[in-house]
Amino acid sequence: MIQIPEPSRPAKKKRTYRKNQNLFTLIGKMKLWPSRKGYLHGIRSMEYVGNCAIITTHCGKTFTIRNSRNSRASRWLRNKIFVKPCKACAVPDWKLEKYQGTSFQKKSGAVLDRETK
């Protein structure tokens, strides 16, 4: 019996961002929100209201957040601290793999700009 080798996938490019980004730009790029209980929610929409934003998740929860670089959510996103993804939001595996492959470095990496909508 002849075995046909499976086509190998090319190595995925590792994403590197600057470490100290604004929370709005970070969430806008990743579309993920870590709740206080440690669940990782997928973001459906984000509405900017001055220095605050109203986030609606895929499971229907709404949060009002302030733009901060040192907040709990910013630190948890940068350090990849979460218990598990939210079952109701159904965050896909590819998004979790992409999130795990992202690194944050102090002196190198892409600088995220806030998109004005």
Protein backbone atom coordinates (compact mmCIF):
# COMPACT_ATOMS: atom_id res chain seq x y z
CA MET A 1 0.00 0.00 0.00
CA ILE A 2 1.38 3.37 -1.02
CA GLN A 3 0.93 6.23 1.39
CA ILE A 4 0.47 9.64 -0.07
CA PRO A 5 2.02 12.34 2.10
CA GLU A 6 -0.35 15.03 3.29
CA PRO A 7 0.40 18.50 1.99
CA SER A 8 2.16 20.44 4.70
CA ARG A 9 0.86 23.84 5.63
CA PRO A 10 3.30 26.70 5.43
CA ALA A 11 4.56 28.00 8.75
CA LYS A 12 2.26 30.72 10.02
CA LYS A 13 3.74 34.14 10.47
CA LYS A 14 3.94 35.13 14.11
CA ARG A 15 2.25 38.45 14.89
CA THR A 16 4.14 40.88 17.06
CA TYR A 17 2.62 44.06 18.47
CA ARG A 18 3.95 46.78 20.72
CA LYS A 19 3.32 45.97 24.34
CA ASN A 20 1.79 49.19 25.64
CA GLN A 21 -1.17 49.78 23.28
CA ASN A 22 -4.45 51.51 24.01
CA LEU A 23 -7.21 49.13 25.04
CA PHE A 24 -9.57 50.21 22.24
CA THR A 25 -7.04 49.48 19.51
CA LEU A 26 -6.13 46.15 21.07
CA ILE A 27 -9.75 45.02 21.35
CA GLY A 28 -10.58 46.38 17.91
CA LYS A 29 -7.81 44.26 16.39
CA MET A 30 -8.37 41.04 18.34
CA LYS A 31 -12.16 41.16 18.74
CA LEU A 32 -11.85 39.36 22.09
CA TRP A 33 -12.82 40.45 25.63
CA PRO A 34 -11.65 38.77 28.87
CA SER A 35 -14.39 38.91 31.50
CA ARG A 36 -13.61 39.15 35.20
CA LYS A 37 -14.41 35.46 35.70
CA GLY A 38 -11.81 34.59 33.08
CA TYR A 39 -14.05 33.73 30.12
CA LEU A 40 -12.91 34.92 26.71
CA HIS A 41 -15.82 36.50 24.80
CA GLY A 42 -16.04 37.28 21.09
CA ILE A 43 -16.96 40.88 20.27
CA ARG A 44 -19.86 41.56 17.94
CA SER A 45 -19.79 45.36 17.96
CA MET A 46 -17.94 48.24 19.55
CA GLU A 47 -19.36 51.76 19.77
CA TYR A 48 -17.08 54.64 20.78
CA VAL A 49 -18.47 57.28 23.17
CA GLY A 50 -15.66 59.74 23.96
CA ASN A 51 -13.13 58.07 26.24
CA CYS A 52 -15.45 55.10 26.74
CA ALA A 53 -16.70 52.35 24.49
CA ILE A 54 -19.75 50.11 24.62
CA ILE A 55 -18.92 46.53 23.71
CA THR A 56 -21.56 43.97 22.73
CA THR A 57 -20.45 40.34 22.74
CA HIS A 58 -21.79 37.48 20.65
CA CYS A 59 -23.58 36.07 23.70
CA GLY A 60 -25.54 39.34 24.11
CA LYS A 61 -23.70 40.86 27.08
CA THR A 62 -22.91 44.57 27.03
CA PHE A 63 -19.95 46.22 28.73
CA THR A 64 -18.96 49.85 29.10
CA ILE A 65 -15.19 50.18 29.19
CA ARG A 66 -12.70 53.03 29.47
CA ASN A 67 -9.63 53.41 27.31
CA SER A 68 -6.63 52.43 29.41
CA ARG A 69 -3.24 50.86 28.82
CA ASN A 70 -2.84 49.46 32.32
CA SER A 71 -6.32 48.09 32.95
CA ARG A 72 -7.08 44.52 33.94
CA ALA A 73 -8.41 43.71 30.47
CA SER A 74 -5.34 45.12 28.73
CA ARG A 75 -2.99 43.15 30.94
CA TRP A 76 -5.01 39.95 30.57
CA LEU A 77 -5.10 40.28 26.76
CA ARG A 78 -1.36 40.94 26.54
CA ASN A 79 -0.45 38.11 28.94
CA LYS A 80 -3.10 35.72 27.51
CA ILE A 81 -4.76 35.12 30.87
CA PHE A 82 -8.12 33.38 30.52
CA VAL A 83 -9.82 30.30 31.92
CA LYS A 84 -11.71 29.18 28.83
CA PRO A 85 -13.63 30.65 25.89
CA CYS A 86 -17.31 31.48 26.38
CA LYS A 87 -19.55 28.66 25.10
CA ALA A 88 -22.35 31.03 24.11
CA CYS A 89 -20.00 33.23 22.06
CA ALA A 90 -18.54 30.17 20.30
CA VAL A 91 -15.09 31.64 19.71
CA PRO A 92 -13.64 29.56 16.84
CA ASP A 93 -10.48 27.51 17.31
CA TRP A 94 -8.62 29.37 14.56
CA LYS A 95 -9.13 32.64 16.44
CA LEU A 96 -7.80 31.13 19.67
CA GLU A 97 -4.76 29.75 17.82
CA LYS A 98 -4.15 33.15 16.24
CA TYR A 99 -4.48 34.78 19.67
CA GLN A 100 -2.04 32.30 21.24
CA GLY A 101 0.45 32.94 18.42
CA THR A 102 0.46 36.68 18.99
CA SER A 103 3.32 38.15 21.01
CA PHE A 104 3.77 41.56 22.59
CA GLN A 105 7.22 43.11 22.86
CA LYS A 106 8.35 46.34 24.42
CA LYS A 107 10.65 47.77 21.77
CA SER A 108 9.55 46.13 18.51
CA GLY A 109 6.40 45.18 16.68
CA ALA A 110 3.52 46.82 14.88
CA VAL A 111 1.97 49.92 16.37
CA LEU A 112 -1.83 49.74 16.25
CA ASP A 113 -3.72 52.88 15.30
CA ARG A 114 -7.30 53.50 16.38
CA GLU A 115 -9.64 53.28 13.43
CA THR A 116 -12.15 56.09 13.44
CA LYS A 117 -15.57 55.01 12.31
